[in-house]
Protein backbone atom coordinates (compact mmCIF):
# COMPACT_ATOMS: atom_id res chain seq x y z
CA MET A 1 -32.86 -13.09 -39.56
CA ASP A 2 -30.38 -14.18 -36.77
CA SER A 3 -26.62 -13.74 -38.21
CA ARG A 4 -25.01 -16.44 -36.16
CA PRO A 5 -24.64 -20.20 -37.11
CA ALA A 6 -27.41 -22.23 -36.29
CA ASP A 7 -25.60 -24.31 -33.44
CA MET A 8 -24.84 -21.00 -31.72
CA ALA A 9 -28.82 -19.31 -32.11
CA GLY A 10 -30.61 -21.85 -30.16
CA GLY A 11 -33.96 -23.08 -30.65
CA ASP A 12 -34.98 -25.12 -33.62
CA THR A 13 -31.98 -25.40 -36.19
CA GLY A 14 -34.64 -27.41 -38.79
CA ASP A 15 -33.05 -30.83 -38.04
CA GLY A 16 -35.48 -31.87 -35.35
CA GLU A 17 -33.10 -30.90 -32.43
CA ASP A 18 -33.74 -28.60 -29.81
CA ASN A 19 -30.34 -26.26 -29.26
CA ASN A 20 -31.24 -25.31 -26.12
CA ARG A 21 -30.33 -28.73 -25.20
CA VAL A 22 -26.82 -28.58 -26.75
CA LEU A 23 -26.11 -25.47 -24.68
CA SER A 24 -27.30 -26.67 -21.41
CA ASP A 25 -25.15 -29.83 -22.48
CA ASP A 26 -22.15 -27.19 -22.52
CA GLU A 27 -23.48 -25.47 -19.30
CA ASP A 28 -23.46 -28.96 -17.40
CA ALA A 29 -19.28 -29.31 -18.53
CA VAL A 30 -18.74 -26.02 -17.22
CA ASP A 31 -20.69 -27.23 -14.14
CA GLU A 32 -18.16 -30.03 -13.85
CA ARG A 33 -14.91 -28.07 -14.57
CA ASP A 34 -16.22 -25.66 -11.70
CA ALA A 35 -16.77 -28.55 -9.22
CA ASN A 36 -12.88 -29.07 -9.58
CA PHE A 37 -12.25 -25.50 -8.36
CA ASP A 38 -12.97 -23.39 -5.38
CA PHE A 39 -13.92 -19.60 -5.89
CA VAL A 40 -12.57 -17.18 -4.09
CA SER A 41 -14.70 -14.34 -2.74
CA GLU A 42 -13.76 -10.76 -2.44
CA GLU A 43 -13.51 -10.97 1.37
CA GLU A 44 -11.31 -14.11 1.36
CA ILE A 45 -9.35 -12.11 -0.96
CA ALA A 46 -9.37 -8.97 1.14
CA ALA A 47 -8.42 -11.04 4.55
CA SER A 48 -5.61 -12.56 2.54
CA ALA A 49 -3.70 -9.76 1.73
CA GLY A 50 -3.73 -8.79 5.33
CA SER A 51 -6.61 -6.20 5.17
CA GLU A 52 -10.41 -5.85 7.07
CA GLY A 53 -13.09 -6.48 4.57
CA GLY A 54 -14.40 -3.24 4.19
CA GLN A 55 -11.12 -1.37 4.30
CA SER A 56 -11.01 1.73 2.42
CA TYR A 57 -8.56 3.00 -0.38
CA LEU A 58 -4.94 3.66 1.62
CA GLY A 59 -6.58 2.77 4.73
CA SER A 60 -4.17 0.85 7.12
CA SER A 61 -5.23 -1.52 9.75
CA GLU A 62 -2.98 -2.68 12.68
CA SER A 63 -2.49 -5.96 11.56
CA SER A 64 -1.19 -5.03 7.90
CA LEU A 65 1.24 -2.42 9.28
CA THR A 66 5.44 -3.15 9.81
CA THR A 67 6.76 -0.33 12.04
CA SER A 68 10.22 0.06 12.42
CA LEU A 69 12.33 0.85 15.64
CA THR A 70 11.51 4.65 16.49
CA MET A 71 14.89 6.56 15.57
CA SER A 72 16.36 9.39 17.05
CA VAL A 73 18.02 12.41 15.45
CA GLU A 74 21.12 11.72 16.38
CA GLU A 75 21.05 8.37 15.29
CA ILE A 76 20.03 9.98 11.32
CA GLN A 77 22.47 12.00 11.47
CA GLY A 78 25.16 9.26 12.71
CA ARG A 79 24.40 7.24 9.80
CA THR A 80 26.77 7.19 7.02
CA ASP A 81 25.99 3.95 5.05
CA GLY A 82 23.28 6.39 2.70
CA SER A 83 20.29 4.99 1.57
CA CYS A 84 18.08 1.93 3.22
CA GLU A 85 15.90 -0.62 1.91
CA MET A 86 12.84 -2.42 2.58
CA SER A 87 10.09 -4.54 1.00
CA VAL A 88 6.75 -3.52 1.55
CA LYS A 89 4.72 -6.17 0.62
CA ALA A 90 1.02 -6.29 -1.11
CA GLY A 91 -2.14 -5.00 1.31
CA ARG A 92 0.68 -3.81 4.06
CA SER A 93 2.20 -1.01 5.10
CA PHE A 94 5.50 0.48 6.73
CA ALA A 95 5.73 3.13 9.63
CA LEU A 96 9.19 4.42 9.90
CA PRO A 97 8.67 6.77 13.32
CA ILE A 98 11.41 9.26 14.34
CA LEU A 99 11.90 11.12 17.63
CA VAL A 100 12.29 14.69 17.94
CA GLU A 101 13.54 15.52 21.20
CA ALA A 102 13.32 19.78 20.38
CA PRO A 103 11.38 21.69 18.15
CA GLY A 104 13.10 23.35 15.23
CA ILE A 105 14.69 20.19 13.92
CA VAL A 106 14.04 20.44 9.85
CA LEU A 107 13.62 16.56 8.96
CA CYS A 108 14.59 15.74 5.28
CA TRP A 109 13.37 12.47 3.12
CA GLU A 110 13.76 11.18 -0.43
CA PHE A 111 12.40 7.72 -1.41
CA GLN A 112 12.17 5.87 -4.64
CA THR A 113 9.84 2.63 -5.04
CA GLU A 114 9.99 -0.44 -7.63
CA PRO A 115 8.01 -1.13 -9.63
CA LYS A 116 5.15 1.08 -9.02
CA ASN A 117 3.89 3.78 -6.66
CA ILE A 118 3.05 3.94 -2.94
CA GLY A 119 1.04 5.84 -0.32
CA PHE A 120 2.58 8.43 1.94
CA SER A 121 1.82 10.64 4.54
CA VAL A 122 3.35 12.17 7.82
CA THR A 123 1.70 11.95 11.25
CA TYR A 124 2.98 13.28 14.78
CA LYS A 125 2.23 12.44 18.46
CA GLU A 126 3.68 13.57 21.57
CA SER A 127 5.40 10.29 22.89
CA ASP A 128 6.03 7.04 21.74
CA VAL A 129 2.72 5.37 23.52
CA HIS A 130 -0.21 4.51 21.91
CA GLU A 131 -2.59 7.71 21.11
CA ASP A 132 -3.91 9.20 18.42
CA SER A 133 -1.75 10.63 15.68
CA GLN A 134 -2.31 14.25 14.11
CA VAL A 135 -2.20 14.06 10.28
CA LEU A 136 0.61 16.72 9.11
CA ILE A 137 0.78 15.69 5.42
CA PRO A 138 -2.37 13.76 4.16
CA MET A 139 -2.06 10.21 2.46
CA CYS A 140 -1.62 10.56 -1.23
CA LYS A 141 -0.08 8.26 -3.86
CA CYS A 142 3.16 9.16 -4.75
CA ASN A 143 4.82 8.04 -8.39
CA SER A 144 8.10 7.32 -6.83
CA HIS A 145 8.74 4.75 -9.39
CA ARG A 146 8.89 7.61 -11.86
CA GLN A 147 11.42 9.78 -9.65
CA ALA A 148 12.35 10.22 -6.38
CA VAL A 149 10.26 11.94 -3.93
CA GLN A 150 12.02 14.43 -1.65
CA GLY A 151 10.19 16.60 1.01
CA GLU A 152 11.14 18.24 4.24
CA LEU A 153 8.95 19.11 7.16
CA ILE A 154 10.22 21.51 10.27
CA ALA A 155 9.51 19.87 13.80
CA LYS A 156 7.52 22.79 15.68
CA ARG A 157 7.30 20.67 18.84
CA ALA A 158 9.15 17.66 20.27
CA GLY A 159 7.70 14.36 19.75
CA VAL A 160 7.37 11.08 17.48
CA TYR A 161 6.96 12.17 13.27
CA THR A 162 6.09 9.21 11.65
CA LEU A 163 6.56 8.67 8.20
CA LEU A 164 4.04 6.44 6.99
CA PHE A 165 4.58 4.18 3.35
CA ASP A 166 1.14 2.35 2.44
CA ASN A 167 0.97 -0.21 -0.02
CA SER A 168 -1.94 -1.44 1.16
CA TYR A 169 -4.42 -0.72 -1.54
CA SER A 170 -2.22 -3.22 -3.61
CA ARG A 171 -3.51 -6.79 -3.98
CA PHE A 172 -0.43 -8.50 -6.03
CA THR A 173 2.30 -6.07 -6.16
CA SER A 174 4.92 -5.70 -3.37
CA LYS A 175 7.18 -2.23 -3.81
CA LYS A 176 10.92 -2.04 -2.79
CA LEU A 177 11.48 1.03 -1.16
CA THR A 178 14.63 3.00 -1.30
CA TYR A 179 14.49 5.96 1.23
CA LYS A 180 17.21 8.11 2.68
CA LEU A 181 16.85 10.66 5.56
CA GLN A 182 18.44 13.56 6.75
CA VAL A 183 18.08 15.95 9.80
CA LYS A 184 19.14 19.54 9.72
CA ARG A 185 19.63 21.41 13.01
CA PRO A 186 18.61 25.05 13.53
CA VAL A 187 21.26 27.66 12.72
CA THR A 188 20.83 29.08 16.21
CA GLU A 189 21.42 25.44 17.44
CA ALA A 190 24.58 24.59 15.22
CA SER A 191 26.38 27.64 15.66
CA SER A 192 26.81 26.94 19.74
C-alpha cells in the first residue's frame, strides 16, 4: 500500500476525481510562473563571467586577464609603501609582470586573499612582446585566505617574469589580493 496521502499518490482516490488531473493543474501553475522568469544557460553564465564556453579549470583567456604595468627590479626595490592591494573579480585573472635585466636576481613574493583561495603561477618569457611563456611554477590553488603564501625564485636569465593570480574558476566571488614584492641581488653584485 502507498504511504503517501491520497492527493499525492496519483491515480484514483476513490472520490471519483483523477489525481493525475490535479497534478497536471499544478504543472500548469508552474509553467505560468516559469513564463515570468528567463532561465539562464550554463553558456550564458560562463559568458557573463568573462570566460569562454568550454574553458577549463584555472585557464584564463585574454579577455578575462587584467595586467599591471611591467615593473622593473629598481621599482620594486624603491618601493617603501609595503604591500599593495588589488581586487581580482570573479571569472578574471591578474598578471603582474616583472622585468629582470640581469640573471641571478632573486624575486620574492608574499600574498594573502580574502575571502577565499586563488590560483597562482609564475611564467617567464624573454621579452615583453607577445610570445609564448614558459611555465616556471605551474598553476595551483593556494589557501592564501588561511595564511600568507611566500615564495621566491632565482632568475636564471634576463626577461619578464609574470606572477599570475587566477580567479577565473570562481563564478561569483571576487578576491581581495594583498601582495608584497621584494628583490634580492646576488652577493657579488651587492658588494661592488
